């Protein structure tokens, strides 16, 4: 599980809040990382993973708090 964002940047703190809320609630074999959003660190973080869950805030035009789920194919 990868959270992206810098708390000092306003809504970018959402990933840290989500990861904090999940602390102790995910299985022990799940790696949880909080990254600043630099693209190469993101790629390195999920390299070789069977599944990567990325939490980030984004401006989409939807109301604040709307959750979006994107699934990528091979």
N, C-alpha and C. Protein backbone atom coordinates (compact mmCIF):
# COMPACT_ATOMS: atom_id res chain seq x y z
N UNK A 1 0.86 -1.15 0.00
CA UNK A 1 0.00 0.00 0.00
C UNK A 1 0.91 1.22 0.00
N UNK A 2 0.66 2.13 -0.91
CA UNK A 2 1.51 3.30 -1.07
C UNK A 2 0.66 4.56 -0.96
N UNK A 3 1.03 5.43 -0.06
CA UNK A 3 0.37 6.71 0.08
C UNK A 3 1.25 7.79 -0.53
N UNK A 4 0.66 8.68 -1.31
CA UNK A 4 1.42 9.74 -1.97
C UNK A 4 1.00 11.09 -1.44
N UNK A 5 1.98 11.94 -1.18
CA UNK A 5 1.64 13.30 -0.82
C UNK A 5 2.48 13.86 0.32
N UNK A 6 2.43 15.16 0.44
CA UNK A 6 3.14 15.89 1.47
C UNK A 6 2.10 16.60 2.33
N UNK A 7 2.02 16.29 3.62
CA UNK A 7 0.99 16.89 4.46
C UNK A 7 0.99 18.42 4.46
N UNK A 8 2.14 19.04 4.25
CA UNK A 8 2.21 20.50 4.25
C UNK A 8 1.52 21.11 3.04
N UNK A 9 1.12 20.30 2.08
CA UNK A 9 0.52 20.81 0.85
C UNK A 9 -1.00 20.67 0.83
N UNK A 10 -1.63 20.80 1.98
CA UNK A 10 -3.10 20.78 2.02
C UNK A 10 -3.68 19.42 1.79
N UNK A 11 -4.42 19.25 0.68
CA UNK A 11 -5.09 17.97 0.43
C UNK A 11 -4.13 16.82 0.21
N UNK A 12 -2.86 17.12 0.00
CA UNK A 12 -1.87 16.06 -0.15
C UNK A 12 -1.71 15.26 1.13
N UNK A 13 -2.25 15.74 2.24
CA UNK A 13 -2.17 15.03 3.50
C UNK A 13 -3.15 13.87 3.61
N UNK A 14 -4.04 13.72 2.63
CA UNK A 14 -5.05 12.67 2.71
C UNK A 14 -4.42 11.29 2.73
N UNK A 15 -3.37 11.06 1.97
CA UNK A 15 -2.74 9.74 1.93
C UNK A 15 -2.19 9.37 3.30
N UNK A 16 -1.51 10.31 3.95
CA UNK A 16 -0.98 10.05 5.28
C UNK A 16 -2.08 9.74 6.27
N UNK A 17 -3.21 10.45 6.16
CA UNK A 17 -4.34 10.21 7.05
C UNK A 17 -4.93 8.82 6.83
N UNK A 18 -5.02 8.40 5.59
CA UNK A 18 -5.54 7.06 5.29
C UNK A 18 -4.60 6.00 5.83
N UNK A 19 -3.30 6.16 5.59
CA UNK A 19 -2.34 5.18 6.08
C UNK A 19 -2.35 5.12 7.60
N UNK A 20 -2.46 6.26 8.23
CA UNK A 20 -2.51 6.30 9.69
C UNK A 20 -3.75 5.58 10.21
N UNK A 21 -4.89 5.78 9.54
CA UNK A 21 -6.13 5.13 9.95
C UNK A 21 -6.05 3.61 9.77
N UNK A 22 -5.24 3.15 8.83
CA UNK A 22 -5.11 1.71 8.57
C UNK A 22 -4.03 1.05 9.41
N UNK A 23 -3.23 1.83 10.11
CA UNK A 23 -2.13 1.28 10.91
C UNK A 23 -2.65 0.22 11.86
N UNK A 24 -2.02 -0.94 11.82
CA UNK A 24 -2.43 -2.04 12.68
C UNK A 24 -3.65 -2.79 12.20
N UNK A 25 -4.22 -2.38 11.07
CA UNK A 25 -5.44 -3.01 10.57
C UNK A 25 -5.20 -3.80 9.29
N UNK A 26 -3.97 -3.75 8.77
CA UNK A 26 -3.65 -4.50 7.55
C UNK A 26 -2.82 -5.72 7.95
N UNK A 27 -2.89 -6.79 7.17
CA UNK A 27 -2.11 -7.98 7.49
C UNK A 27 -0.61 -7.68 7.59
N UNK A 28 0.10 -8.45 8.37
CA UNK A 28 1.52 -8.22 8.59
C UNK A 28 2.38 -8.32 7.35
N UNK A 29 1.91 -9.04 6.32
CA UNK A 29 2.71 -9.17 5.10
C UNK A 29 2.45 -8.03 4.11
N UNK A 30 1.63 -7.06 4.48
CA UNK A 30 1.36 -5.91 3.62
C UNK A 30 2.35 -4.80 3.97
N UNK A 31 3.12 -4.38 3.00
CA UNK A 31 4.06 -3.29 3.20
C UNK A 31 3.33 -1.96 2.99
N UNK A 32 3.45 -1.07 3.94
CA UNK A 32 2.80 0.24 3.86
C UNK A 32 3.89 1.29 3.79
N UNK A 33 3.83 2.12 2.74
CA UNK A 33 4.85 3.16 2.54
C UNK A 33 4.18 4.48 2.23
N UNK A 34 4.78 5.56 2.74
CA UNK A 34 4.30 6.91 2.46
C UNK A 34 5.39 7.61 1.66
N UNK A 35 5.08 8.00 0.45
CA UNK A 35 6.04 8.63 -0.45
C UNK A 35 5.62 10.05 -0.77
N UNK A 36 6.57 10.85 -1.23
CA UNK A 36 6.29 12.25 -1.55
C UNK A 36 5.71 12.43 -2.95
N UNK A 37 5.57 11.38 -3.72
CA UNK A 37 4.95 11.48 -5.04
C UNK A 37 5.92 11.57 -6.20
N UNK A 38 7.22 11.55 -5.91
CA UNK A 38 8.21 11.59 -7.00
C UNK A 38 8.06 10.29 -7.80
N UNK A 39 7.83 10.37 -9.11
CA UNK A 39 7.45 9.21 -9.91
C UNK A 39 8.40 8.01 -9.84
N UNK A 40 9.70 8.22 -9.85
CA UNK A 40 10.59 7.05 -9.84
C UNK A 40 10.51 6.31 -8.51
N UNK A 41 10.28 7.01 -7.41
CA UNK A 41 10.13 6.32 -6.12
C UNK A 41 8.84 5.49 -6.11
N UNK A 42 7.81 5.99 -6.75
CA UNK A 42 6.56 5.24 -6.84
C UNK A 42 6.77 3.95 -7.62
N UNK A 43 7.43 4.03 -8.76
CA UNK A 43 7.69 2.84 -9.57
C UNK A 43 8.54 1.84 -8.79
N UNK A 44 9.58 2.32 -8.11
CA UNK A 44 10.43 1.43 -7.31
C UNK A 44 9.64 0.78 -6.19
N UNK A 45 8.71 1.51 -5.59
CA UNK A 45 7.94 0.99 -4.46
C UNK A 45 7.04 -0.17 -4.87
N UNK A 46 6.51 -0.14 -6.08
CA UNK A 46 5.59 -1.23 -6.44
C UNK A 46 6.24 -2.25 -7.38
N UNK A 47 7.51 -2.08 -7.68
CA UNK A 47 8.22 -3.03 -8.55
C UNK A 47 8.18 -4.42 -7.92
N UNK A 48 7.72 -5.40 -8.66
CA UNK A 48 7.70 -6.77 -8.20
C UNK A 48 6.52 -7.14 -7.31
N UNK A 49 5.68 -6.19 -6.99
CA UNK A 49 4.53 -6.48 -6.13
C UNK A 49 3.44 -7.20 -6.93
N UNK A 50 2.75 -8.10 -6.28
CA UNK A 50 1.61 -8.76 -6.92
C UNK A 50 0.43 -7.80 -7.04
N UNK A 51 0.33 -6.88 -6.09
CA UNK A 51 -0.75 -5.90 -6.07
C UNK A 51 -0.22 -4.62 -5.43
N UNK A 52 -0.53 -3.50 -6.02
CA UNK A 52 -0.16 -2.20 -5.45
C UNK A 52 -1.42 -1.37 -5.28
N UNK A 53 -1.65 -0.90 -4.07
CA UNK A 53 -2.77 -0.01 -3.79
C UNK A 53 -2.16 1.36 -3.53
N UNK A 54 -2.52 2.33 -4.35
CA UNK A 54 -1.96 3.68 -4.25
C UNK A 54 -3.05 4.63 -3.77
N UNK A 55 -2.75 5.37 -2.71
CA UNK A 55 -3.69 6.34 -2.16
C UNK A 55 -3.14 7.73 -2.44
N UNK A 56 -3.93 8.56 -3.10
CA UNK A 56 -3.49 9.91 -3.46
C UNK A 56 -4.72 10.80 -3.58
N UNK A 57 -4.50 12.09 -3.43
CA UNK A 57 -5.57 13.06 -3.66
C UNK A 57 -5.38 13.64 -5.06
N UNK A 58 -6.47 13.87 -5.73
CA UNK A 58 -6.41 14.41 -7.09
C UNK A 58 -7.61 15.30 -7.35
N UNK A 59 -7.42 16.31 -8.14
CA UNK A 59 -8.52 17.17 -8.56
C UNK A 59 -9.15 16.54 -9.79
N UNK A 60 -10.44 16.16 -9.67
CA UNK A 60 -11.11 15.47 -10.77
C UNK A 60 -12.37 16.19 -11.23
N UNK A 61 -12.81 17.19 -10.50
CA UNK A 61 -14.06 17.85 -10.81
C UNK A 61 -15.23 17.26 -10.04
N UNK A 62 -15.00 16.10 -9.39
CA UNK A 62 -16.03 15.49 -8.56
C UNK A 62 -16.07 16.20 -7.21
N UNK A 63 -17.15 16.04 -6.45
CA UNK A 63 -17.21 16.69 -5.13
C UNK A 63 -16.08 16.21 -4.22
N UNK A 64 -15.61 17.07 -3.32
CA UNK A 64 -14.56 16.67 -2.38
C UNK A 64 -14.96 15.41 -1.61
N UNK A 65 -14.00 14.51 -1.44
CA UNK A 65 -14.24 13.27 -0.72
C UNK A 65 -14.68 12.12 -1.60
N UNK A 66 -14.90 12.38 -2.88
CA UNK A 66 -15.28 11.31 -3.79
C UNK A 66 -14.12 10.34 -3.96
N UNK A 67 -14.41 9.07 -3.84
CA UNK A 67 -13.37 8.05 -4.03
C UNK A 67 -13.45 7.52 -5.45
N UNK A 68 -12.31 7.31 -6.05
CA UNK A 68 -12.22 6.74 -7.40
C UNK A 68 -11.38 5.48 -7.34
N UNK A 69 -11.78 4.48 -8.03
CA UNK A 69 -11.01 3.24 -8.10
C UNK A 69 -10.63 3.01 -9.55
N UNK A 70 -9.35 2.92 -9.80
CA UNK A 70 -8.83 2.66 -11.14
C UNK A 70 -8.14 1.33 -11.14
N UNK A 71 -8.48 0.48 -12.07
CA UNK A 71 -7.82 -0.82 -12.18
C UNK A 71 -7.09 -0.85 -13.51
N UNK A 72 -5.83 -1.20 -13.44
CA UNK A 72 -5.01 -1.26 -14.63
C UNK A 72 -4.82 -2.70 -15.05
N UNK A 73 -4.91 -2.95 -16.34
CA UNK A 73 -4.68 -4.30 -16.86
C UNK A 73 -3.19 -4.55 -17.07
N UNK A 74 -2.88 -5.70 -17.56
CA UNK A 74 -1.48 -6.02 -17.85
C UNK A 74 -0.94 -5.05 -18.87
